[in-house]
């Protein structure tokens, strides 16, 4: 009997300490403000960034929630804007092909890493190139609101 009571006394403080650590980690994870500016990549070579990017993971926008085989393509225009074509299959890999054609504009002073993506005039959505590998084969795109993200 004495032995089981001492085990309970030891278990309870350990459980309380573990719960406190988990709670602290949870609170620390929530401490980041959703409006904190997301840090862009230090430099993006626009010529190398142009072309097809295959979406391999995302926090989707409303139109993307049921998208399959999504591909985002970029073409630098003579006026400096970036013609964008986002195409995907609706609902299944063999679903109807859907396409969106926003126009992007590089935000000056961002080393080409922050764009304004315009789907409907005059609204431009923030588009931040957060990371890009040296070979320009993998990129992470995000937004300061941390509401959408793409791994391509």
N, C-alpha and C. Protein backbone atom coordinates (compact mmCIF):
# COMPACT_ATOMS: atom_id res chain seq x y z
N UNK A 1 0.82 -1.19 0.00
CA UNK A 1 0.00 0.00 0.00
C UNK A 1 0.86 1.26 0.00
N UNK A 2 1.86 1.30 0.83
CA UNK A 2 2.75 2.44 0.94
C UNK A 2 3.45 2.71 -0.39
N UNK A 3 3.83 1.64 -1.07
CA UNK A 3 4.53 1.76 -2.33
C UNK A 3 3.65 2.41 -3.39
N UNK A 4 2.38 2.05 -3.51
CA UNK A 4 1.49 2.63 -4.52
C UNK A 4 1.20 4.10 -4.25
N UNK A 5 1.13 4.49 -2.97
CA UNK A 5 0.92 5.90 -2.65
C UNK A 5 2.11 6.75 -3.09
N UNK A 6 3.31 6.26 -2.89
CA UNK A 6 4.49 7.03 -3.29
C UNK A 6 4.57 7.14 -4.81
N UNK A 7 4.14 6.11 -5.52
CA UNK A 7 4.11 6.19 -6.99
C UNK A 7 3.12 7.26 -7.44
N UNK A 8 1.97 7.31 -6.81
CA UNK A 8 0.97 8.33 -7.15
C UNK A 8 1.52 9.72 -6.90
N UNK A 9 2.22 9.88 -5.78
CA UNK A 9 2.77 11.20 -5.46
C UNK A 9 3.83 11.61 -6.48
N UNK A 10 4.60 10.67 -6.95
CA UNK A 10 5.61 10.97 -7.94
C UNK A 10 4.96 11.23 -9.30
N UNK A 11 3.98 10.44 -9.65
CA UNK A 11 3.34 10.59 -10.96
C UNK A 11 2.62 11.92 -11.10
N UNK A 12 1.93 12.34 -10.07
CA UNK A 12 1.15 13.56 -10.16
C UNK A 12 2.02 14.79 -10.46
N UNK A 13 3.13 15.03 -9.71
CA UNK A 13 3.98 16.19 -10.04
C UNK A 13 4.58 16.08 -11.44
N UNK A 14 4.94 14.86 -11.84
CA UNK A 14 5.50 14.68 -13.18
C UNK A 14 4.44 15.01 -14.24
N UNK A 15 3.23 14.54 -14.04
CA UNK A 15 2.16 14.84 -14.98
C UNK A 15 1.84 16.34 -15.02
N UNK A 16 1.83 16.96 -13.87
CA UNK A 16 1.58 18.40 -13.83
C UNK A 16 2.69 19.17 -14.54
N UNK A 17 3.92 18.76 -14.32
CA UNK A 17 5.05 19.42 -14.99
C UNK A 17 4.97 19.23 -16.50
N UNK A 18 4.64 18.02 -16.93
CA UNK A 18 4.51 17.74 -18.36
C UNK A 18 3.38 18.58 -18.96
N UNK A 19 2.27 18.68 -18.26
CA UNK A 19 1.14 19.49 -18.74
C UNK A 19 1.54 20.96 -18.83
N UNK A 20 2.30 21.44 -17.87
CA UNK A 20 2.75 22.83 -17.90
C UNK A 20 3.67 23.09 -19.09
N UNK A 21 4.56 22.14 -19.39
CA UNK A 21 5.46 22.29 -20.53
C UNK A 21 4.66 22.31 -21.83
N UNK A 22 3.72 21.40 -21.99
CA UNK A 22 2.88 21.36 -23.19
C UNK A 22 2.10 22.66 -23.33
N UNK A 23 1.52 23.15 -22.25
CA UNK A 23 0.76 24.41 -22.28
C UNK A 23 1.67 25.57 -22.67
N UNK A 24 2.89 25.60 -22.13
CA UNK A 24 3.83 26.68 -22.45
C UNK A 24 4.21 26.65 -23.92
N UNK A 25 4.45 25.46 -24.45
CA UNK A 25 4.77 25.34 -25.88
C UNK A 25 3.60 25.77 -26.75
N UNK A 26 2.39 25.41 -26.35
CA UNK A 26 1.20 25.81 -27.10
C UNK A 26 1.06 27.32 -27.11
N UNK A 27 1.21 27.94 -25.96
CA UNK A 27 1.08 29.39 -25.85
C UNK A 27 2.19 30.08 -26.65
N UNK A 28 3.39 29.56 -26.59
CA UNK A 28 4.50 30.15 -27.34
C UNK A 28 4.25 30.05 -28.84
N UNK A 29 3.67 28.94 -29.27
CA UNK A 29 3.34 28.79 -30.68
C UNK A 29 2.26 29.75 -31.14
N UNK A 30 1.38 30.12 -30.24
CA UNK A 30 0.31 31.05 -30.57
C UNK A 30 0.74 32.50 -30.43
N UNK A 31 1.92 32.75 -29.89
CA UNK A 31 2.36 34.11 -29.61
C UNK A 31 2.71 34.89 -30.86
N UNK A 32 2.93 34.22 -31.99
CA UNK A 32 3.26 34.91 -33.22
C UNK A 32 2.01 35.59 -33.74
N UNK A 33 2.11 36.87 -33.92
CA UNK A 33 0.98 37.64 -34.43
C UNK A 33 0.72 37.27 -35.88
N UNK A 34 -0.53 37.04 -36.28
CA UNK A 34 -0.80 36.70 -37.67
C UNK A 34 -0.48 37.84 -38.62
N UNK A 35 -0.33 39.06 -38.12
CA UNK A 35 0.00 40.20 -38.98
C UNK A 35 1.48 40.53 -38.98
N UNK A 36 2.30 39.69 -38.37
CA UNK A 36 3.74 39.89 -38.39
C UNK A 36 4.21 39.69 -39.82
N UNK A 37 4.99 40.64 -40.31
CA UNK A 37 5.48 40.54 -41.67
C UNK A 37 6.33 39.28 -41.82
N UNK A 38 6.05 38.55 -42.87
CA UNK A 38 6.81 37.35 -43.15
C UNK A 38 8.10 37.75 -43.87
N UNK A 39 9.20 37.11 -43.54
CA UNK A 39 10.49 37.49 -44.11
C UNK A 39 10.64 36.90 -45.51
N UNK A 40 10.84 37.75 -46.52
CA UNK A 40 11.03 37.25 -47.89
C UNK A 40 12.45 36.73 -48.11
N UNK A 41 12.61 36.01 -49.19
CA UNK A 41 13.94 35.55 -49.60
C UNK A 41 14.82 36.78 -49.83
N UNK A 42 16.13 36.67 -49.58
CA UNK A 42 16.99 37.85 -49.71
C UNK A 42 17.11 38.37 -51.14
N UNK A 43 16.98 37.50 -52.13
CA UNK A 43 17.13 37.91 -53.54
C UNK A 43 16.48 36.85 -54.42
N UNK A 44 15.73 37.29 -55.42
CA UNK A 44 15.13 36.37 -56.38
C UNK A 44 15.55 36.81 -57.79
N UNK A 45 16.14 35.89 -58.54
CA UNK A 45 16.50 36.13 -59.93
C UNK A 45 15.24 35.87 -60.76
N UNK A 46 14.60 36.93 -61.22
CA UNK A 46 13.31 36.78 -61.92
C UNK A 46 13.42 35.90 -63.16
N UNK A 47 14.48 36.04 -63.93
CA UNK A 47 14.63 35.22 -65.14
C UNK A 47 14.65 33.73 -64.79
N UNK A 48 15.35 33.36 -63.72
CA UNK A 48 15.40 31.96 -63.31
C UNK A 48 14.09 31.48 -62.71
N UNK A 49 13.34 32.40 -62.10
CA UNK A 49 12.09 32.03 -61.44
C UNK A 49 10.97 31.78 -62.46
N UNK A 50 11.08 32.34 -63.64
CA UNK A 50 10.04 32.20 -64.65
C UNK A 50 9.92 30.75 -65.10
N UNK A 51 8.71 30.37 -65.52
CA UNK A 51 8.46 29.01 -65.98
C UNK A 51 7.39 28.34 -65.16
N UNK A 52 7.34 27.02 -65.26
CA UNK A 52 6.32 26.23 -64.58
C UNK A 52 6.77 25.82 -63.18
N UNK A 53 5.85 25.93 -62.23
CA UNK A 53 6.06 25.49 -60.85
C UNK A 53 4.89 24.59 -60.48
N UNK A 54 5.19 23.38 -60.05
CA UNK A 54 4.18 22.39 -59.70
C UNK A 54 3.87 22.50 -58.20
N UNK A 55 2.63 22.72 -57.87
CA UNK A 55 2.21 22.85 -56.47
C UNK A 55 2.24 21.45 -55.85
N UNK A 56 3.09 21.29 -54.83
CA UNK A 56 3.19 19.98 -54.17
C UNK A 56 2.59 20.00 -52.77
N UNK A 57 2.28 21.18 -52.27
CA UNK A 57 1.62 21.31 -50.97
C UNK A 57 1.17 22.74 -50.79
N UNK A 58 0.08 22.92 -50.03
CA UNK A 58 -0.39 24.29 -49.82
C UNK A 58 -1.37 24.41 -48.67
N UNK A 59 -1.55 25.63 -48.22
CA UNK A 59 -2.71 26.03 -47.43
C UNK A 59 -3.55 26.75 -48.48
N UNK A 60 -4.59 26.12 -48.98
CA UNK A 60 -5.25 26.60 -50.20
C UNK A 60 -6.16 27.81 -50.04
N UNK A 61 -6.25 28.55 -51.13
CA UNK A 61 -7.26 29.59 -51.25
C UNK A 61 -8.58 28.88 -51.56
N UNK A 62 -9.67 29.60 -51.53
CA UNK A 62 -10.98 28.98 -51.78
C UNK A 62 -11.03 28.24 -53.13
N UNK A 63 -10.59 28.83 -54.24
CA UNK A 63 -10.65 28.09 -55.52
C UNK A 63 -9.77 26.85 -55.54
N UNK A 64 -8.72 26.82 -54.72
CA UNK A 64 -7.78 25.69 -54.74
C UNK A 64 -8.18 24.52 -53.86
N UNK A 65 -9.22 24.67 -53.08
CA UNK A 65 -9.56 23.63 -52.09
C UNK A 65 -9.88 22.29 -52.72
N UNK A 66 -10.28 22.28 -53.96
CA UNK A 66 -10.62 21.04 -54.63
C UNK A 66 -9.79 20.88 -55.90
N UNK A 67 -8.54 21.42 -55.86
CA UNK A 67 -7.67 21.41 -57.04
C UNK A 67 -6.73 20.22 -57.04
N UNK A 68 -6.55 19.64 -58.20
CA UNK A 68 -5.62 18.54 -58.41
C UNK A 68 -4.67 18.94 -59.54
N UNK A 69 -3.42 18.43 -59.49
CA UNK A 69 -2.43 18.69 -60.54
C UNK A 69 -2.24 20.19 -60.80
N UNK A 70 -2.14 20.99 -59.76
CA UNK A 70 -2.00 22.44 -59.92
C UNK A 70 -0.61 22.81 -60.40
N UNK A 71 -0.57 23.73 -61.38
CA UNK A 71 0.68 24.24 -61.94
C UNK A 71 0.55 25.75 -62.06
N UNK A 72 1.55 26.46 -61.57
CA UNK A 72 1.60 27.92 -61.70
C UNK A 72 2.73 28.24 -62.66
N UNK A 73 2.43 29.04 -63.69
CA UNK A 73 3.43 29.40 -64.70
C UNK A 73 3.61 30.91 -64.72
N UNK A 74 4.86 31.34 -64.83
CA UNK A 74 5.19 32.76 -64.84
C UNK A 74 5.94 33.12 -66.11
N UNK A 75 5.59 34.29 -66.68
CA UNK A 75 6.27 34.81 -67.85
C UNK A 75 6.52 36.29 -67.64
N UNK A 76 7.79 36.70 -67.66
CA UNK A 76 8.15 38.10 -67.49
C UNK A 76 7.81 38.85 -68.77
N UNK A 77 7.04 39.91 -68.63
CA UNK A 77 6.59 40.72 -69.77
C UNK A 77 7.55 41.89 -70.01
N UNK A 78 7.57 42.43 -71.23
CA UNK A 78 8.46 43.56 -71.52
C UNK A 78 8.25 44.77 -70.61
N UNK A 79 7.02 44.95 -70.10
CA UNK A 79 6.75 46.10 -69.23
C UNK A 79 7.14 45.83 -67.77
N UNK A 80 7.70 44.65 -67.48
CA UNK A 80 8.14 44.31 -66.12
C UNK A 80 7.10 43.56 -65.30
N UNK A 81 5.86 43.50 -65.79
CA UNK A 81 4.85 42.70 -65.08
C UNK A 81 5.10 41.22 -65.34
N UNK A 82 4.46 40.40 -64.55
CA UNK A 82 4.63 38.96 -64.69
C UNK A 82 3.27 38.35 -65.02
N UNK A 83 3.14 37.84 -66.23
CA UNK A 83 1.92 37.14 -66.62
C UNK A 83 1.92 35.80 -65.90
N UNK A 84 0.82 35.51 -65.25
CA UNK A 84 0.71 34.29 -64.47
C UNK A 84 -0.45 33.44 -64.99
N UNK A 85 -0.21 32.16 -65.07
CA UNK A 85 -1.28 31.24 -65.44
C UNK A 85 -1.31 30.13 -64.39
N UNK A 86 -2.43 30.05 -63.68
CA UNK A 86 -2.61 29.00 -62.68
C UNK A 86 -3.64 28.04 -63.24
N UNK A 87 -3.23 26.79 -63.45
CA UNK A 87 -4.16 25.81 -64.00
C UNK A 87 -4.19 24.58 -63.10
N UNK A 88 -5.37 23.96 -63.06
CA UNK A 88 -5.57 22.80 -62.20
C UNK A 88 -6.77 22.02 -62.68
N UNK A 89 -6.90 20.79 -62.17
CA UNK A 89 -8.06 19.94 -62.45
C UNK A 89 -9.03 20.06 -61.28
N UNK A 90 -10.28 20.31 -61.57
CA UNK A 90 -11.31 20.50 -60.55
C UNK A 90 -11.83 19.16 -60.04
N UNK A 91 -11.60 18.90 -58.75
CA UNK A 91 -12.22 17.76 -58.09
C UNK A 91 -11.55 16.42 -58.22
N UNK A 92 -10.72 16.22 -59.24
CA UNK A 92 -10.07 14.93 -59.44
C UNK A 92 -8.94 15.09 -60.45
N UNK A 93 -8.08 14.07 -60.52
CA UNK A 93 -6.96 14.14 -61.46
C UNK A 93 -7.43 14.20 -62.91
N UNK A 94 -8.62 13.70 -63.19
CA UNK A 94 -9.16 13.77 -64.54
C UNK A 94 -10.32 14.76 -64.63
N UNK A 95 -10.43 15.65 -63.65
CA UNK A 95 -11.51 16.64 -63.62
C UNK A 95 -11.34 17.72 -64.67
N UNK A 96 -12.33 18.59 -64.71
CA UNK A 96 -12.33 19.69 -65.67
C UNK A 96 -11.12 20.60 -65.43
N UNK A 97 -10.45 21.00 -66.52
CA UNK A 97 -9.31 21.90 -66.43
C UNK A 97 -9.79 23.32 -66.18
N UNK A 98 -9.29 23.94 -65.13
CA UNK A 98 -9.62 25.32 -64.79
C UNK A 98 -8.35 26.16 -64.90
N UNK A 99 -8.52 27.44 -65.25
CA UNK A 99 -7.37 28.33 -65.40
C UNK A 99 -7.69 29.71 -64.84
N UNK A 100 -6.73 30.29 -64.15
CA UNK A 100 -6.81 31.68 -63.69
C UNK A 100 -5.57 32.40 -64.25
N UNK A 101 -5.73 33.67 -64.58
CA UNK A 101 -4.63 34.43 -65.19
C UNK A 101 -4.39 35.77 -64.50
N UNK A 102 -3.92 35.75 -63.26
CA UNK A 102 -3.61 37.02 -62.61
C UNK A 102 -2.34 37.63 -63.20
N UNK A 103 -2.14 38.90 -62.91
CA UNK A 103 -0.92 39.60 -63.32
C UNK A 103 -0.19 40.02 -62.05
N UNK A 104 1.11 39.75 -62.01
CA UNK A 104 1.91 40.10 -60.84
C UNK A 104 2.78 41.31 -61.14
N UNK A 105 3.02 42.10 -60.10
CA UNK A 105 3.93 43.24 -60.17
C UNK A 105 4.89 43.12 -59.00
N UNK A 106 6.19 43.24 -59.29
CA UNK A 106 7.19 43.17 -58.24
C UNK A 106 7.11 44.45 -57.40
N UNK A 107 7.11 44.29 -56.09
CA UNK A 107 7.11 45.44 -55.18
C UNK A 107 8.53 46.01 -55.15
N UNK A 108 8.71 47.29 -55.50
CA UNK A 108 10.05 47.88 -55.52
C UNK A 108 10.75 47.77 -54.16
N UNK A 109 12.07 47.55 -54.22
CA UNK A 109 12.88 47.48 -53.02
C UNK A 109 12.83 46.15 -52.28
N UNK A 110 12.23 45.13 -52.88
CA UNK A 110 12.12 43.82 -52.22
C UNK A 110 13.04 42.77 -52.83
N UNK A 111 13.95 43.19 -53.68
CA UNK A 111 14.87 42.25 -54.34
C UNK A 111 14.11 41.17 -55.12
N UNK A 112 12.95 41.56 -55.67
CA UNK A 112 12.08 40.70 -56.50
C UNK A 112 11.38 39.61 -55.71
N UNK A 113 11.39 39.68 -54.38
CA UNK A 113 10.82 38.60 -53.56
C UNK A 113 9.39 38.86 -53.11
N UNK A 114 8.86 40.06 -53.28
CA UNK A 114 7.49 40.36 -52.90
C UNK A 114 6.77 40.90 -54.13
N UNK A 115 5.63 40.28 -54.40
CA UNK A 115 4.84 40.66 -55.57
C UNK A 115 3.44 41.07 -55.13
N UNK A 116 2.81 41.88 -55.95
CA UNK A 116 1.38 42.13 -55.81
C UNK A 116 0.71 41.30 -56.89
N UNK A 117 -0.15 40.38 -56.51
CA UNK A 117 -0.81 39.48 -57.47
C UNK A 117 -2.23 39.97 -57.67
N UNK A 118 -2.53 40.41 -58.89
CA UNK A 118 -3.82 41.03 -59.18
C UNK A 118 -4.72 40.08 -59.97
N UNK A 119 -5.78 39.62 -59.28
CA UNK A 119 -6.79 38.78 -59.91
C UNK A 119 -7.93 39.65 -60.44
N UNK A 120 -8.26 40.70 -59.66
CA UNK A 120 -9.35 41.62 -60.01
C UNK A 120 -8.84 43.04 -59.77
N UNK A 121 -8.99 43.90 -60.77
CA UNK A 121 -8.55 45.29 -60.62
C UNK A 121 -9.45 45.98 -59.62
N UNK A 122 -8.96 46.79 -58.74
CA UNK A 122 -7.59 47.26 -58.50
C UNK A 122 -6.90 46.52 -57.35
N UNK A 123 -7.45 45.40 -56.89
CA UNK A 123 -6.94 44.70 -55.71
C UNK A 123 -5.72 43.84 -56.07
N UNK A 124 -4.67 44.00 -55.26
CA UNK A 124 -3.47 43.18 -55.43
C UNK A 124 -3.23 42.42 -54.13
N UNK A 125 -3.16 41.12 -54.24
CA UNK A 125 -2.90 40.27 -53.08
C UNK A 125 -1.39 40.15 -52.88
N UNK A 126 -0.96 40.15 -51.64
CA UNK A 126 0.46 39.99 -51.33
C UNK A 126 0.90 38.56 -51.67
N UNK A 127 2.07 38.46 -52.25
CA UNK A 127 2.65 37.18 -52.68
C UNK A 127 4.13 37.27 -52.33
N UNK A 128 4.58 36.52 -51.31
CA UNK A 128 5.95 36.62 -50.82
C UNK A 128 6.71 35.34 -51.14
N UNK A 129 7.79 35.48 -51.87
CA UNK A 129 8.67 34.34 -52.10
C UNK A 129 9.54 34.24 -50.85
N UNK A 130 9.20 33.28 -50.00
CA UNK A 130 9.83 33.14 -48.69
C UNK A 130 11.19 32.45 -48.81
N UNK A 131 11.26 31.47 -49.69
CA UNK A 131 12.50 30.71 -49.84
C UNK A 131 12.56 30.14 -51.24
N UNK A 132 13.78 30.01 -51.73
CA UNK A 132 14.01 29.38 -53.03
C UNK A 132 15.36 28.68 -52.96
N UNK A 133 15.42 27.45 -53.46
CA UNK A 133 16.70 26.75 -53.39
C UNK A 133 17.66 27.28 -54.47
N UNK A 134 18.93 26.96 -54.35
CA UNK A 134 19.96 27.49 -55.26
C UNK A 134 19.73 27.11 -56.71
N UNK A 135 19.12 25.96 -56.93
CA UNK A 135 18.90 25.48 -58.31
C UNK A 135 17.57 25.97 -58.89
N UNK A 136 16.80 26.71 -58.10
CA UNK A 136 15.48 27.20 -58.52
C UNK A 136 14.57 26.03 -58.93
N UNK A 137 14.58 25.01 -58.07
CA UNK A 137 13.73 23.84 -58.28
C UNK A 137 12.64 23.73 -57.22
N UNK A 138 12.81 24.40 -56.07
CA UNK A 138 11.87 24.32 -54.97
C UNK A 138 11.70 25.71 -54.37
N UNK A 139 10.44 26.10 -54.15
CA UNK A 139 10.18 27.40 -53.56
C UNK A 139 9.05 27.31 -52.55
N UNK A 140 9.05 28.24 -51.61
CA UNK A 140 7.95 28.38 -50.67
C UNK A 140 7.41 29.80 -50.81
N UNK A 141 6.11 29.89 -51.01
CA UNK A 141 5.43 31.17 -51.18
C UNK A 141 4.49 31.34 -49.99
N UNK A 142 4.40 32.54 -49.47
CA UNK A 142 3.51 32.79 -48.34
C UNK A 142 2.93 34.19 -48.38
N UNK A 143 2.27 34.54 -47.29
CA UNK A 143 1.69 35.87 -47.12
C UNK A 143 1.88 36.30 -45.66
N UNK A 144 1.98 37.60 -45.44
CA UNK A 144 2.17 38.10 -44.07
C UNK A 144 1.02 37.72 -43.16
N UNK A 145 -0.20 37.61 -43.71
CA UNK A 145 -1.34 37.21 -42.90
C UNK A 145 -1.29 35.73 -42.51
N UNK A 146 -0.36 35.00 -43.11
CA UNK A 146 -0.17 33.57 -42.83
C UNK A 146 -1.45 32.75 -43.05
N UNK A 147 -2.23 33.21 -44.02
CA UNK A 147 -3.49 32.52 -44.30
C UNK A 147 -3.36 31.54 -45.47
N UNK A 148 -2.42 31.76 -46.36
CA UNK A 148 -2.20 30.88 -47.49
C UNK A 148 -0.69 30.63 -47.64
N UNK A 149 -0.34 29.48 -48.17
CA UNK A 149 1.07 29.15 -48.43
C UNK A 149 1.12 28.08 -49.51
N UNK A 150 2.23 28.07 -50.24
CA UNK A 150 2.41 27.10 -51.29
C UNK A 150 3.84 26.58 -51.27
N UNK A 151 3.99 25.29 -51.45
CA UNK A 151 5.31 24.68 -51.69
C UNK A 151 5.26 24.21 -53.11
N UNK A 152 6.19 24.70 -53.90
CA UNK A 152 6.20 24.35 -55.34
C UNK A 152 7.58 23.89 -55.74
